[in-house]
Amino acid sequence: MKSMAALCLCCLFLLPFCGCTVPQNKGDSPLSAETAAPSSQLSLSADGPVTIQSKCQKQEVRDGEGTLLATISHSHPVLLGSTKGIASLNQLFEKDEEEYLASAAHNWQAQAEEDKQLLGESFQPYTIESSYEITYNNAGLLSILRTEYQNTNGPYPTLRRLSGTYLTSSGQSLSLDQILAGDKQTVSQQVVNHFTQLIQSDPQQFYPNAQDILPDLISQVGFYLSGDQICLYLPQETIAVRAYGFPEVSLPYDQQDLFATPIPTVNMDAQYLKTAMRLLYEKVVPQLPQDERTGIRMVSEGEGDAGGEPIYIIRLYLPPEETVGRYGVGQQTGAIYVQEKTGAYTLFSP
């Protein structure tokens, strides 16, 4: 069986829904992790991608009368393997989810009850969805970009980003200082320079003082690895209006003088699971009703078997957790299978 490319696209599409306000339920900082690994430990391997499954849990917030106030969902990767580094990362991701869901009532109860009293019958339960994407999975490096969608009866939804990059050999987190060349001051200046170039490329897109405040925003810069470049981003509304999105700049791996350790380029489009998901978007999604296909999302649920052929199992769902169906994509033939009520997979016929 081919090694499964670890790419869980829980958040392929973030469509504009109504409403959102933002309580400070969690800091805009990288995903929690163990102490960052010393530079001497930044030793990349020749290993391919780690096999990953996905786990998603929900937490409901209700008032004293049992009325649903908010639904909070959180998904996280589960790495398959028994090494110390993989075990450490699995414990980390599980702990993050437990803490996130445990704080749900504290973060949303009071505001939702206030909105319910204010809006009456027009009140709609909040939807809070924290999903992730594996943006790099190769050479002993795992990079995760998490997006939190919040719809809370406001004029527009809110999106937040968190990210983390890890050594799968040890489970330790990497800082930007360990990936880019130079000391901390050099890296900070490099980041300021790249965002300055972004602002100067189209000044009208940014706040008048955007360039001046960049040095004060260094602590808010997040990063993730993609197939051929490292991406640096700032939260929304730091240097540009909300409609601009997340200000982001990229540094390609082929500019090796920018990096402390050369990072291998990975053709993410060639990774099997991502190809399988795109096949479902081309063949299955167009067959769904219009109200389903416009908001459909996918998540990997591991591997299985259909008629003797190994398959990737992919669940199609509508947020927060309305399952549309489970499908399999043959690893040898690319054939599409659909899960029947019995649990068996049969060939999909449009």
Protein backbone atom coordinates (compact mmCIF):
# COMPACT_ATOMS: atom_id res chain seq x y z
CA MET A 1 0.00 0.00 0.00
CA LYS A 2 1.36 3.32 -0.92
CA SER A 3 2.32 5.67 1.86
CA MET A 4 -0.54 8.11 2.36
CA ALA A 5 0.38 11.71 1.73
CA ALA A 6 -0.65 13.59 4.82
CA LEU A 7 -2.95 16.26 3.69
CA CYS A 8 -6.19 16.83 5.56
CA LEU A 9 -8.06 19.66 3.90
CA CYS A 10 -10.73 20.35 6.49
CA CYS A 11 -10.82 23.93 5.36
CA LEU A 12 -10.53 23.94 1.58
CA PHE A 13 -13.29 26.52 1.26
CA LEU A 14 -14.17 29.32 3.67
CA LEU A 15 -17.40 30.74 2.32
CA PRO A 16 -18.92 34.07 3.44
CA PHE A 17 -21.61 33.32 6.02
CA CYS A 18 -23.37 35.90 8.15
CA GLY A 19 -22.27 37.34 11.40
CA CYS A 20 -19.43 37.44 13.83
CA THR A 21 -17.97 39.13 16.86
CA VAL A 22 -14.78 38.04 18.52
CA PRO A 23 -14.24 37.48 22.24
CA GLN A 24 -10.67 36.86 23.21
CA ASN A 25 -11.06 33.13 23.56
CA LYS A 26 -7.54 32.20 22.52
CA GLY A 27 -4.45 34.19 21.76
CA ASP A 28 -3.32 34.77 18.19
CA SER A 29 -0.13 32.83 18.69
CA PRO A 30 1.42 29.71 17.11
CA LEU A 31 -0.03 26.34 18.05
CA SER A 32 1.11 25.39 21.54
CA ALA A 33 4.17 23.19 21.62
CA GLU A 34 7.07 21.97 23.64
CA THR A 35 10.14 24.18 23.98
CA ALA A 36 11.54 25.03 20.57
CA ALA A 37 14.35 22.77 19.46
CA PRO A 38 17.88 24.19 19.59
CA SER A 39 19.38 24.96 16.19
CA SER A 40 21.80 22.06 16.54
CA GLN A 41 18.82 19.68 16.49
CA LEU A 42 17.50 20.99 13.17
CA SER A 43 18.56 17.92 11.25
CA LEU A 44 16.31 16.97 8.37
CA SER A 45 15.89 13.39 7.20
CA ALA A 46 15.30 11.70 3.87
CA ASP A 47 11.99 10.32 5.10
CA GLY A 48 8.81 10.81 3.13
CA PRO A 49 5.50 12.04 4.55
CA VAL A 50 4.13 10.78 7.84
CA THR A 51 0.78 9.02 7.49
CA ILE A 52 -1.97 11.04 9.14
CA GLN A 53 -5.59 10.50 10.04
CA SER A 54 -7.98 13.14 11.30
CA LYS A 55 -10.08 13.39 14.44
CA CYS A 56 -12.89 15.87 15.04
CA GLN A 57 -14.90 16.53 18.19
CA LYS A 58 -17.76 18.87 19.00
CA GLN A 59 -18.85 20.76 22.09
CA GLU A 60 -22.34 22.18 22.51
CA VAL A 61 -23.05 25.18 24.70
CA ARG A 62 -26.62 25.43 26.07
CA ASP A 63 -28.40 27.76 28.47
CA GLY A 64 -30.25 26.70 31.62
CA GLU A 65 -33.35 25.88 29.56
CA GLY A 66 -31.44 23.59 27.27
CA THR A 67 -31.51 25.95 24.28
CA LEU A 68 -28.53 25.53 21.98
CA LEU A 69 -26.35 28.63 22.10
CA ALA A 70 -23.25 27.52 20.23
CA THR A 71 -21.69 24.56 18.50
CA ILE A 72 -17.91 24.37 18.68
CA SER A 73 -16.00 21.86 16.57
CA HIS A 74 -12.29 21.17 16.62
CA SER A 75 -10.30 18.83 14.40
CA HIS A 76 -6.71 17.73 14.77
CA PRO A 77 -4.29 15.37 13.05
CA VAL A 78 -3.44 11.93 14.41
CA LEU A 79 -0.03 10.74 13.28
CA LEU A 80 0.36 7.01 12.69
CA GLY A 81 3.51 5.45 14.12
CA SER A 82 5.16 4.56 17.40
CA THR A 83 8.26 6.73 17.53
CA LYS A 84 8.87 9.10 20.43
CA GLY A 85 8.42 12.17 18.24
CA ILE A 86 5.10 11.01 16.80
CA ALA A 87 3.81 10.06 20.26
CA SER A 88 4.83 13.48 21.57
CA LEU A 89 3.03 15.32 18.76
CA ASN A 90 -0.11 13.24 19.16
CA GLN A 91 -0.17 14.06 22.88
CA LEU A 92 0.33 17.74 22.06
CA PHE A 93 -2.51 17.87 19.52
CA GLU A 94 -4.84 15.94 21.84
CA LYS A 95 -4.05 18.30 24.71
CA ASP A 96 -4.72 21.34 22.52
CA GLU A 97 -8.12 19.96 21.58
CA GLU A 98 -9.08 19.11 25.16
CA GLU A 99 -8.16 22.59 26.36
CA TYR A 100 -9.93 24.25 23.43
CA LEU A 101 -13.21 22.40 23.97
CA ALA A 102 -13.03 22.67 27.76
CA SER A 103 -12.90 26.46 27.46
CA ALA A 104 -15.85 26.63 25.02
CA ALA A 105 -18.54 27.42 27.58
CA HIS A 106 -16.40 30.03 29.32
CA ASN A 107 -15.59 31.74 26.03
CA TRP A 108 -19.05 31.83 24.44
CA GLN A 109 -21.82 31.29 27.01
CA ALA A 110 -22.24 34.84 28.31
CA GLN A 111 -22.06 36.51 24.91
CA ALA A 112 -24.47 34.02 23.32
CA GLU A 113 -26.99 34.39 26.15
CA GLU A 114 -26.83 38.17 25.79
CA ASP A 115 -27.37 37.95 22.02
CA LYS A 116 -30.23 35.48 22.48
CA GLN A 117 -32.00 37.87 24.84
CA LEU A 118 -31.37 40.81 22.52
CA LEU A 119 -32.30 39.12 19.22
CA GLY A 120 -35.16 36.92 20.41
CA GLU A 121 -36.47 34.55 17.74
CA SER A 122 -33.96 35.82 15.17
CA PHE A 123 -31.07 34.50 17.28
CA GLN A 124 -29.07 31.79 15.52
CA PRO A 125 -26.75 29.49 17.50
CA TYR A 126 -23.10 30.39 17.08
CA THR A 127 -20.89 28.25 14.86
CA ILE A 128 -17.24 28.04 15.87
CA GLU A 129 -15.12 25.75 13.73
CA SER A 130 -11.39 25.21 14.20
CA SER A 131 -9.95 23.20 11.31
CA TYR A 132 -6.48 22.55 9.99
CA GLU A 133 -4.47 21.88 6.87
CA ILE A 134 -1.18 20.03 6.66
CA THR A 135 0.83 22.36 4.44
CA TYR A 136 4.16 20.50 4.51
CA ASN A 137 4.93 16.89 5.39
CA ASN A 138 8.35 15.69 4.32
CA ALA A 139 11.98 15.25 5.38
CA GLY A 140 11.06 15.02 9.07
CA LEU A 141 9.17 18.33 8.99
CA LEU A 142 5.45 18.75 9.63
CA SER A 143 3.79 22.15 9.19
CA ILE A 144 0.20 22.82 10.20
CA LEU A 145 -1.97 25.83 9.40
CA ARG A 146 -5.09 26.09 11.55
CA THR A 147 -8.02 28.33 10.65
CA GLU A 148 -10.76 29.25 13.08
CA TYR A 149 -14.10 30.31 11.64
CA GLN A 150 -16.48 32.19 13.96
CA ASN A 151 -20.08 33.00 13.03
CA THR A 152 -21.77 34.74 15.97
CA ASN A 153 -24.72 36.76 14.64
CA GLY A 154 -22.59 39.75 13.76
CA PRO A 155 -22.34 41.57 10.41
CA TYR A 156 -19.64 39.21 9.08
CA PRO A 157 -17.74 36.07 10.06
CA THR A 158 -14.28 36.18 11.59
CA LEU A 159 -11.29 34.09 10.56
CA ARG A 160 -8.21 33.55 12.71
CA ARG A 161 -5.01 31.69 11.98
CA LEU A 162 -2.67 29.63 14.13
CA SER A 163 0.25 27.60 12.87
CA GLY A 164 3.07 25.36 14.00
CA THR A 165 6.04 23.59 12.41
CA TYR A 166 7.56 20.52 14.06
CA LEU A 167 10.35 18.00 13.84
CA THR A 168 8.64 14.63 13.66
CA SER A 169 11.78 12.92 14.97
CA SER A 170 11.56 14.66 18.35
CA GLY A 171 8.12 16.29 18.44
CA GLN A 172 9.66 19.68 19.08
CA SER A 173 8.46 22.94 17.64
CA LEU A 174 10.56 25.15 15.38
CA SER A 175 10.71 28.92 15.54
CA LEU A 176 11.23 31.20 12.58
CA ASP A 177 14.71 31.99 13.91
CA GLN A 178 15.69 28.35 13.41
CA ILE A 179 14.45 28.16 9.85
CA LEU A 180 15.72 31.45 8.43
CA ALA A 181 19.40 32.31 8.34
CA GLY A 182 20.94 34.76 10.81
CA ASP A 183 20.42 35.69 14.44
CA LYS A 184 17.09 36.83 15.88
CA GLN A 185 17.67 40.49 15.04
CA THR A 186 18.64 39.64 11.46
CA VAL A 187 15.56 37.47 10.99
CA SER A 188 13.29 40.18 12.43
CA GLN A 189 14.73 42.76 10.04
CA GLN A 190 14.35 40.33 7.17
CA VAL A 191 10.67 39.88 8.01
CA VAL A 192 10.14 43.65 8.21
CA ASN A 193 11.85 44.08 4.83
CA HIS A 194 9.62 41.54 3.11
CA PHE A 195 6.40 43.02 4.48
CA THR A 196 7.69 46.48 3.57
CA GLN A 197 8.06 45.29 -0.02
CA LEU A 198 4.49 43.97 0.10
CA ILE A 199 3.17 47.34 1.29
CA GLN A 200 5.21 49.32 -1.23
CA SER A 201 3.96 47.13 -4.08
CA ASP A 202 0.45 48.59 -3.62
CA PRO A 203 0.33 51.20 -0.83
CA GLN A 204 -3.36 51.96 -1.28
CA GLN A 205 -4.22 48.48 -0.02
CA PHE A 206 -2.73 49.19 3.41
CA TYR A 207 -3.16 51.56 6.34
CA PRO A 208 -1.22 54.84 5.97
CA ASN A 209 1.02 53.92 8.95
CA ALA A 210 1.38 50.24 8.00
CA GLN A 211 5.06 50.44 7.18
CA ASP A 212 5.88 52.40 10.34
CA ILE A 213 4.28 49.88 12.71
CA LEU A 214 5.84 46.75 11.18
CA PRO A 215 8.67 46.52 13.77
CA ASP A 216 6.04 46.43 16.54
CA LEU A 217 4.20 43.54 14.86
CA ILE A 218 7.07 41.06 14.72
CA SER A 219 5.69 39.04 17.63
CA GLN A 220 2.41 38.59 15.73
CA VAL A 221 3.99 37.17 12.57
CA GLY A 222 3.07 33.54 12.01
CA PHE A 223 4.56 31.16 9.47
CA TYR A 224 4.00 27.82 7.81
CA LEU A 225 5.86 25.76 5.25
CA SER A 226 4.28 25.04 1.89
CA GLY A 227 5.51 22.82 -0.93
CA ASP A 228 8.09 25.23 -2.33
CA GLN A 229 8.23 28.25 0.00
CA ILE A 230 7.83 29.45 3.55
CA CYS A 231 4.81 31.72 4.05
CA LEU A 232 4.81 34.51 6.64
CA TYR A 233 1.52 36.10 7.63
CA LEU A 234 0.00 38.71 9.93
CA PRO A 235 -3.48 38.67 11.52
CA GLN A 236 -6.27 40.45 9.73
CA GLU A 237 -6.66 44.18 10.38
CA THR A 238 -3.08 44.72 11.53
CA ILE A 239 -1.80 46.58 8.46
CA ALA A 240 -4.86 46.44 6.19
CA VAL A 241 -8.64 46.38 6.42
CA ARG A 242 -10.47 43.11 7.05
CA ALA A 243 -11.46 42.72 3.39
CA TYR A 244 -7.79 42.40 2.43
CA GLY A 245 -7.53 39.10 4.27
CA PHE A 246 -4.32 37.90 5.88
CA PRO A 247 -1.28 39.93 4.77
CA GLU A 248 1.20 37.30 3.59
CA VAL A 249 4.65 37.15 2.02
CA SER A 250 6.55 34.11 0.75
CA LEU A 251 10.22 33.15 0.58
CA PRO A 252 11.00 30.37 -1.93
CA TYR A 253 13.24 27.50 -0.85
CA ASP A 254 15.46 27.90 -3.90
CA GLN A 255 16.82 31.11 -2.36
CA GLN A 256 18.96 28.95 -0.10
CA ASP A 257 20.91 31.84 1.39
CA LEU A 258 17.72 32.86 3.22
CA PHE A 259 17.50 29.58 5.12
CA ALA A 260 19.55 28.17 7.97
CA THR A 261 18.99 24.65 6.62
CA PRO A 262 17.99 23.85 3.02
CA ILE A 263 14.36 22.73 2.86
CA PRO A 264 13.42 20.26 0.12
CA THR A 265 10.76 21.31 -2.34
CA VAL A 266 7.72 19.02 -2.34
CA ASN A 267 5.23 18.83 -5.18
CA MET A 268 2.12 18.90 -3.01
CA ASP A 269 -0.13 18.49 -6.05
CA ALA A 270 1.49 15.13 -6.72
CA GLN A 271 0.81 13.76 -3.27
CA TYR A 272 -1.70 10.97 -3.51
CA LEU A 273 -4.31 12.09 -1.01
CA LYS A 274 -4.57 15.61 -2.34
CA THR A 275 -4.96 14.18 -5.85
CA ALA A 276 -7.70 11.88 -4.53
CA MET A 277 -9.56 14.80 -2.99
CA ARG A 278 -9.36 16.78 -6.19
CA LEU A 279 -10.75 13.77 -8.05
CA LEU A 280 -13.77 13.79 -5.73
CA TYR A 281 -14.27 17.50 -6.36
CA GLU A 282 -14.27 16.84 -10.09
CA LYS A 283 -16.39 13.68 -10.17
CA VAL A 284 -18.58 13.59 -7.05
CA VAL A 285 -19.20 17.15 -5.90
CA PRO A 286 -20.83 18.26 -9.19
CA GLN A 287 -23.45 15.53 -8.66
CA LEU A 288 -24.53 16.93 -5.28
CA PRO A 289 -27.48 19.31 -4.83
CA GLN A 290 -26.55 22.97 -5.26
CA ASP A 291 -27.09 23.81 -1.57
CA GLU A 292 -24.62 21.07 -0.59
CA ARG A 293 -21.83 21.47 -3.12
CA THR A 294 -21.36 25.21 -2.49
CA GLY A 295 -20.25 24.59 1.09
CA ILE A 296 -18.85 21.06 0.92
CA ARG A 297 -15.63 20.17 2.72
CA MET A 298 -13.52 17.06 2.94
CA VAL A 299 -11.50 15.30 5.58
CA SER A 300 -9.31 12.21 5.36
CA GLU A 301 -10.38 9.29 7.55
CA GLY A 302 -7.48 6.97 6.79
CA GLU A 303 -7.19 4.02 4.46
CA GLY A 304 -9.29 0.96 3.73
CA ASP A 305 -10.11 -1.69 1.17
CA ALA A 306 -12.66 -1.98 -1.62
CA GLY A 307 -12.80 -5.17 -3.63
CA GLY A 308 -9.20 -5.96 -2.79
CA GLU A 309 -7.89 -2.51 -3.74
CA PRO A 310 -6.43 -0.21 -1.06
CA ILE A 311 -8.34 3.06 -0.91
CA TYR A 312 -8.10 6.44 0.75
CA ILE A 313 -11.27 7.05 2.75
CA ILE A 314 -12.54 10.62 2.54
CA ARG A 315 -15.61 12.01 4.27
CA LEU A 316 -17.57 14.81 2.64
CA TYR A 317 -19.37 17.06 5.11
CA LEU A 318 -21.09 20.39 5.58
CA PRO A 319 -19.98 22.51 8.57
CA PRO A 320 -20.12 22.02 11.39
CA GLU A 321 -20.48 18.22 11.13
CA GLU A 322 -23.26 17.17 8.75
CA THR A 323 -21.88 14.14 6.93
CA VAL A 324 -22.84 14.05 3.23
CA GLY A 325 -21.14 10.74 2.49
CA ARG A 326 -17.97 8.69 2.69
CA TYR A 327 -16.03 7.89 -0.43
CA GLY A 328 -12.97 5.86 -1.29
CA VAL A 329 -10.42 6.53 -4.02
CA GLY A 330 -8.43 3.56 -5.28
CA GLN A 331 -4.71 3.91 -4.71
CA GLN A 332 -3.93 1.71 -7.72
CA THR A 333 -6.65 2.59 -10.23
CA GLY A 334 -8.03 5.94 -9.08
CA ALA A 335 -11.51 4.43 -9.12
CA ILE A 336 -14.10 6.13 -6.90
CA TYR A 337 -16.09 4.10 -4.39
CA VAL A 338 -19.03 5.12 -2.21
CA GLN A 339 -19.80 3.70 1.22
CA GLU A 340 -23.16 1.92 1.43
CA LYS A 341 -25.33 1.70 4.54
CA THR A 342 -23.77 -1.69 5.26
CA GLY A 343 -20.36 -0.04 5.52
CA ALA A 344 -19.05 -1.68 2.36
CA TYR A 345 -17.63 0.36 -0.51
CA THR A 346 -19.01 -0.09 -4.02
CA LEU A 347 -18.11 1.61 -7.28
CA PHE A 348 -19.54 5.10 -7.58
CA SER A 349 -21.83 5.73 -10.55
CA PRO A 350 -22.69 9.39 -11.29
